[in-house]
N, C-alpha and C. Protein backbone atom coordinates (compact mmCIF):
# COMPACT_ATOMS: atom_id res chain seq x y z
N MET A 1 -26.13 43.64 -14.00
CA MET A 1 -27.34 43.81 -12.75
C MET A 1 -27.95 45.07 -13.24
N GLU A 2 -28.18 45.37 -14.26
CA GLU A 2 -28.97 46.18 -14.77
C GLU A 2 -30.45 45.81 -14.92
N GLY A 3 -31.44 46.76 -14.24
CA GLY A 3 -32.90 46.42 -14.22
C GLY A 3 -33.33 46.15 -12.70
N THR A 4 -32.09 45.61 -11.74
CA THR A 4 -32.03 45.29 -10.20
C THR A 4 -32.18 46.61 -9.50
N PRO A 5 -33.26 46.40 -8.34
CA PRO A 5 -33.56 47.47 -7.90
C PRO A 5 -32.08 47.31 -6.78
N ARG A 6 -32.20 48.54 -6.16
CA ARG A 6 -30.53 48.81 -5.80
C ARG A 6 -30.45 48.01 -4.12
N SER A 7 -31.81 47.64 -3.67
CA SER A 7 -31.72 47.47 -2.43
C SER A 7 -31.70 45.80 -2.34
N LEU A 8 -31.80 45.16 -3.87
CA LEU A 8 -31.41 43.74 -3.97
C LEU A 8 -30.11 43.36 -4.71
N MET A 9 -29.32 44.22 -5.10
CA MET A 9 -28.01 43.69 -5.96
C MET A 9 -27.04 43.94 -4.85
N TRP A 10 -27.30 43.76 -3.39
CA TRP A 10 -26.48 43.09 -2.69
C TRP A 10 -26.58 41.45 -2.64
N LYS A 11 -27.57 41.05 -3.11
CA LYS A 11 -27.92 39.83 -3.00
C LYS A 11 -27.78 38.96 -4.06
N GLU A 12 -27.98 39.74 -5.22
CA GLU A 12 -27.47 38.88 -6.32
C GLU A 12 -25.51 39.18 -6.39
N ARG A 13 -24.81 39.67 -5.87
CA ARG A 13 -23.57 39.83 -5.38
C ARG A 13 -22.84 38.99 -4.57
N TYR A 14 -24.06 38.66 -3.79
CA TYR A 14 -23.70 37.66 -2.27
C TYR A 14 -23.47 36.22 -2.94
N LEU A 15 -24.69 36.08 -3.78
CA LEU A 15 -24.81 34.78 -4.29
C LEU A 15 -23.87 34.52 -5.30
N ALA A 16 -23.52 35.21 -6.22
CA ALA A 16 -22.36 35.16 -7.37
C ALA A 16 -21.31 34.80 -6.54
N ALA A 17 -21.17 35.36 -5.26
CA ALA A 17 -19.70 35.25 -4.50
C ALA A 17 -19.89 33.83 -3.72
N MET A 18 -21.03 33.22 -3.00
CA MET A 18 -21.06 32.26 -2.68
C MET A 18 -21.12 30.79 -3.70
N LEU A 19 -21.49 30.89 -4.72
CA LEU A 19 -21.58 30.03 -5.79
C LEU A 19 -20.29 29.84 -6.48
N GLU A 20 -19.38 31.07 -6.86
CA GLU A 20 -18.23 30.70 -7.87
C GLU A 20 -17.67 29.87 -6.96
N SER A 21 -17.09 28.83 -7.72
CA SER A 21 -16.09 27.62 -7.31
C SER A 21 -14.82 27.85 -7.76
N ASP A 22 -14.33 28.81 -8.78
CA ASP A 22 -13.39 29.07 -9.36
C ASP A 22 -12.39 30.06 -8.26
N GLN A 23 -11.59 29.24 -7.35
CA GLN A 23 -10.66 30.51 -6.55
C GLN A 23 -10.40 31.44 -7.20
N THR A 24 -9.58 31.30 -8.01
CA THR A 24 -9.25 32.52 -8.72
C THR A 24 -9.96 33.72 -9.32
N LYS A 25 -11.12 33.82 -8.95
CA LYS A 25 -12.17 34.42 -9.68
C LYS A 25 -12.87 35.07 -8.03
N LEU A 26 -12.60 34.11 -7.37
CA LEU A 26 -13.30 34.40 -6.15
C LEU A 26 -13.14 35.85 -5.24
N PRO A 27 -11.75 36.23 -5.11
CA PRO A 27 -11.16 37.63 -4.35
C PRO A 27 -12.19 39.01 -4.77
N PRO A 28 -12.40 39.15 -5.80
CA PRO A 28 -12.61 40.25 -6.15
C PRO A 28 -14.59 40.26 -6.01
N LEU A 29 -14.88 38.83 -6.45
CA LEU A 29 -16.10 38.63 -5.97
C LEU A 29 -17.01 38.72 -4.90
N LEU A 30 -16.13 38.46 -3.90
CA LEU A 30 -16.15 38.27 -2.15
C LEU A 30 -16.15 39.96 -2.29
N ASP A 31 -15.16 40.53 -2.63
CA ASP A 31 -15.10 42.23 -2.20
C ASP A 31 -16.24 42.89 -2.60
N ASP A 32 -16.69 42.68 -4.05
CA ASP A 32 -17.81 43.58 -4.48
C ASP A 32 -18.98 42.94 -3.99
N ALA A 33 -18.84 42.01 -3.35
CA ALA A 33 -20.53 41.50 -2.56
C ALA A 33 -20.17 42.30 -0.71
N ILE A 34 -19.13 42.12 -0.47
CA ILE A 34 -19.07 42.77 1.39
C ILE A 34 -19.26 44.22 0.86
N ASN A 35 -18.60 45.00 -0.57
CA ASN A 35 -19.21 46.38 -0.44
C ASN A 35 -20.45 46.74 -0.88
N ALA A 36 -21.11 45.81 -1.26
CA ALA A 36 -22.75 45.92 -1.64
C ALA A 36 -23.44 45.54 -0.52
N VAL A 37 -23.14 44.64 0.53
CA VAL A 37 -23.91 44.39 1.72
C VAL A 37 -23.44 45.87 2.78
N LEU A 38 -22.22 45.91 3.02
CA LEU A 38 -21.81 47.23 3.58
C LEU A 38 -22.65 48.54 3.00
N ASP A 39 -22.69 48.71 1.81
CA ASP A 39 -23.53 49.93 1.15
C ASP A 39 -25.16 49.95 1.60
N GLN A 40 -25.33 48.52 1.76
CA GLN A 40 -27.02 48.45 1.85
C GLN A 40 -27.42 48.72 3.60
N ILE A 41 -26.45 48.03 4.01
CA ILE A 41 -26.31 48.58 5.75
C ILE A 41 -26.91 49.87 5.88
N GLU A 42 -25.90 51.01 5.61
CA GLU A 42 -25.69 52.01 5.56
C GLU A 42 -27.46 52.72 4.96
N GLU A 43 -28.26 52.00 4.21
CA GLU A 43 -29.16 52.65 3.80
C GLU A 43 -30.51 52.11 4.56
N THR A 44 -30.07 51.11 5.49
CA THR A 44 -31.46 50.33 6.07
C THR A 44 -31.42 50.55 7.18
N VAL A 45 -33.00 50.38 7.92
CA VAL A 45 -33.49 50.79 9.00
C VAL A 45 -34.26 49.95 9.79
N SER A 46 -34.70 48.71 9.18
CA SER A 46 -35.50 47.93 9.42
C SER A 46 -34.42 46.96 10.34
N TYR A 47 -34.63 46.24 11.46
CA TYR A 47 -33.65 45.51 12.41
C TYR A 47 -33.62 44.32 11.56
N ASP A 48 -34.95 43.79 11.26
CA ASP A 48 -34.86 42.16 10.44
C ASP A 48 -33.83 42.43 9.08
N ALA A 49 -33.75 43.22 8.69
CA ALA A 49 -33.20 43.46 7.40
C ALA A 49 -31.60 43.50 7.79
N LEU A 50 -31.20 44.22 8.83
CA LEU A 50 -29.80 44.62 9.22
C LEU A 50 -29.11 43.61 9.48
N GLU A 51 -30.13 42.38 10.28
CA GLU A 51 -29.87 41.17 10.92
C GLU A 51 -29.43 40.34 9.57
N GLU A 52 -30.25 40.47 8.76
CA GLU A 52 -29.80 39.53 7.37
C GLU A 52 -28.53 40.08 6.69
N LEU A 53 -28.71 41.17 6.43
CA LEU A 53 -27.17 41.73 5.94
C LEU A 53 -25.94 41.60 6.82
N ASN A 54 -26.17 41.41 8.22
CA ASN A 54 -25.14 41.13 8.92
C ASN A 54 -24.85 39.66 8.81
N ASN A 55 -25.52 38.89 8.67
CA ASN A 55 -25.27 37.50 8.57
C ASN A 55 -25.13 37.64 7.59
N ALA A 56 -24.95 37.85 6.27
CA ALA A 56 -24.47 37.82 4.81
C ALA A 56 -23.34 38.32 4.86
N LEU A 57 -22.88 39.08 6.03
CA LEU A 57 -22.04 40.06 5.60
C LEU A 57 -20.94 39.11 6.45
N ASN A 58 -20.90 38.35 7.98
CA ASN A 58 -20.06 37.42 8.32
C ASN A 58 -19.87 36.37 7.42
N ILE A 59 -20.79 35.80 6.82
CA ILE A 59 -20.58 34.80 6.01
C ILE A 59 -19.32 35.18 4.73
N LEU A 60 -19.73 36.03 4.39
CA LEU A 60 -18.61 36.51 3.04
C LEU A 60 -17.52 36.62 3.63
N ARG A 61 -17.33 37.51 4.90
CA ARG A 61 -16.01 37.47 5.21
C ARG A 61 -15.31 36.05 5.59
N ALA A 62 -16.07 35.35 6.02
CA ALA A 62 -15.53 33.92 6.53
C ALA A 62 -15.08 33.32 5.34
N ARG A 63 -15.71 33.25 4.34
CA ARG A 63 -15.53 32.68 2.98
C ARG A 63 -14.15 33.59 1.98
N ARG A 64 -13.86 34.61 2.70
CA ARG A 64 -12.87 35.41 2.08
C ARG A 64 -11.50 35.26 2.75
N LYS A 65 -11.66 34.99 4.28
CA LYS A 65 -10.64 34.43 4.98
C LYS A 65 -10.11 33.38 4.58
N VAL A 66 -11.11 32.12 4.53
CA VAL A 66 -10.90 30.82 3.74
C VAL A 66 -9.71 30.74 2.47
N VAL A 67 -10.54 32.19 1.81
CA VAL A 67 -9.59 31.99 0.34
C VAL A 67 -8.52 32.30 0.51
N THR A 68 -8.39 33.52 1.17
CA THR A 68 -7.10 34.40 1.62
C THR A 68 -6.05 33.32 2.43
N CYS A 69 -6.27 32.99 2.97
CA CYS A 69 -5.45 31.71 3.65
C CYS A 69 -5.41 30.73 2.85
N SER A 70 -5.80 30.20 2.02
CA SER A 70 -5.46 28.88 1.24
C SER A 70 -4.85 29.23 -0.21
N GLY A 71 -5.20 30.67 -0.53
CA GLY A 71 -4.53 31.18 -1.62
C GLY A 71 -2.75 31.71 -1.74
N THR A 72 -2.95 32.19 -0.23
CA THR A 72 -1.52 32.88 -0.08
C THR A 72 -0.34 31.95 1.13
N GLY A 73 -1.52 31.17 1.80
CA GLY A 73 -0.49 30.59 2.84
C GLY A 73 -0.27 31.22 4.07
N ARG A 74 -0.89 32.72 4.25
CA ARG A 74 -0.68 33.51 5.49
C ARG A 74 -2.31 34.00 5.67
N SER A 75 -2.18 34.19 7.07
CA SER A 75 -3.73 34.35 7.49
C SER A 75 -3.97 36.01 6.92
N SER A 76 -5.56 35.96 7.38
CA SER A 76 -5.84 37.20 6.81
C SER A 76 -5.66 38.14 7.54
N ASN A 77 -6.21 39.38 7.67
CA ASN A 77 -6.49 40.74 7.97
C ASN A 77 -7.42 40.48 9.51
N SER A 78 -6.92 40.52 11.05
CA SER A 78 -7.83 40.03 11.52
C SER A 78 -8.44 41.52 12.42
N ASP A 79 -7.57 42.54 12.03
CA ASP A 79 -8.43 43.72 12.51
C ASP A 79 -9.09 44.72 11.84
N GLU A 80 -9.68 43.44 10.84
CA GLU A 80 -10.81 44.15 10.25
C GLU A 80 -12.50 44.14 10.90
N PRO A 81 -12.76 45.45 10.61
CA PRO A 81 -14.33 46.21 11.45
C PRO A 81 -15.04 44.64 11.31
N LYS A 82 -15.98 45.08 12.76
CA LYS A 82 -17.12 44.34 12.22
C LYS A 82 -18.44 44.77 12.25
N ALA A 83 -19.30 44.16 11.12
CA ALA A 83 -20.47 44.39 10.95
C ALA A 83 -21.31 45.44 12.27
N ALA A 84 -21.95 45.91 11.32
CA ALA A 84 -23.41 46.42 12.43
C ALA A 84 -23.97 45.68 13.15
């Protein structure tokens, strides 16, 4: 992701996590994407940008929950804090 402006890194990580079909590779990609979105939320002041980031975060968390539940047979952590 060299050469990518920091403000767009979250989008690359989001797309990588959303497009990965190999369930064994997906958990770390989801974690990286979620962390990138959270980092970007901390740096964002525009309401429209925050809304886009919040939507992306919710989608990534939902996908991680599905992967976690199907991969382990357990439910995921419901105590996870919600996005901004």
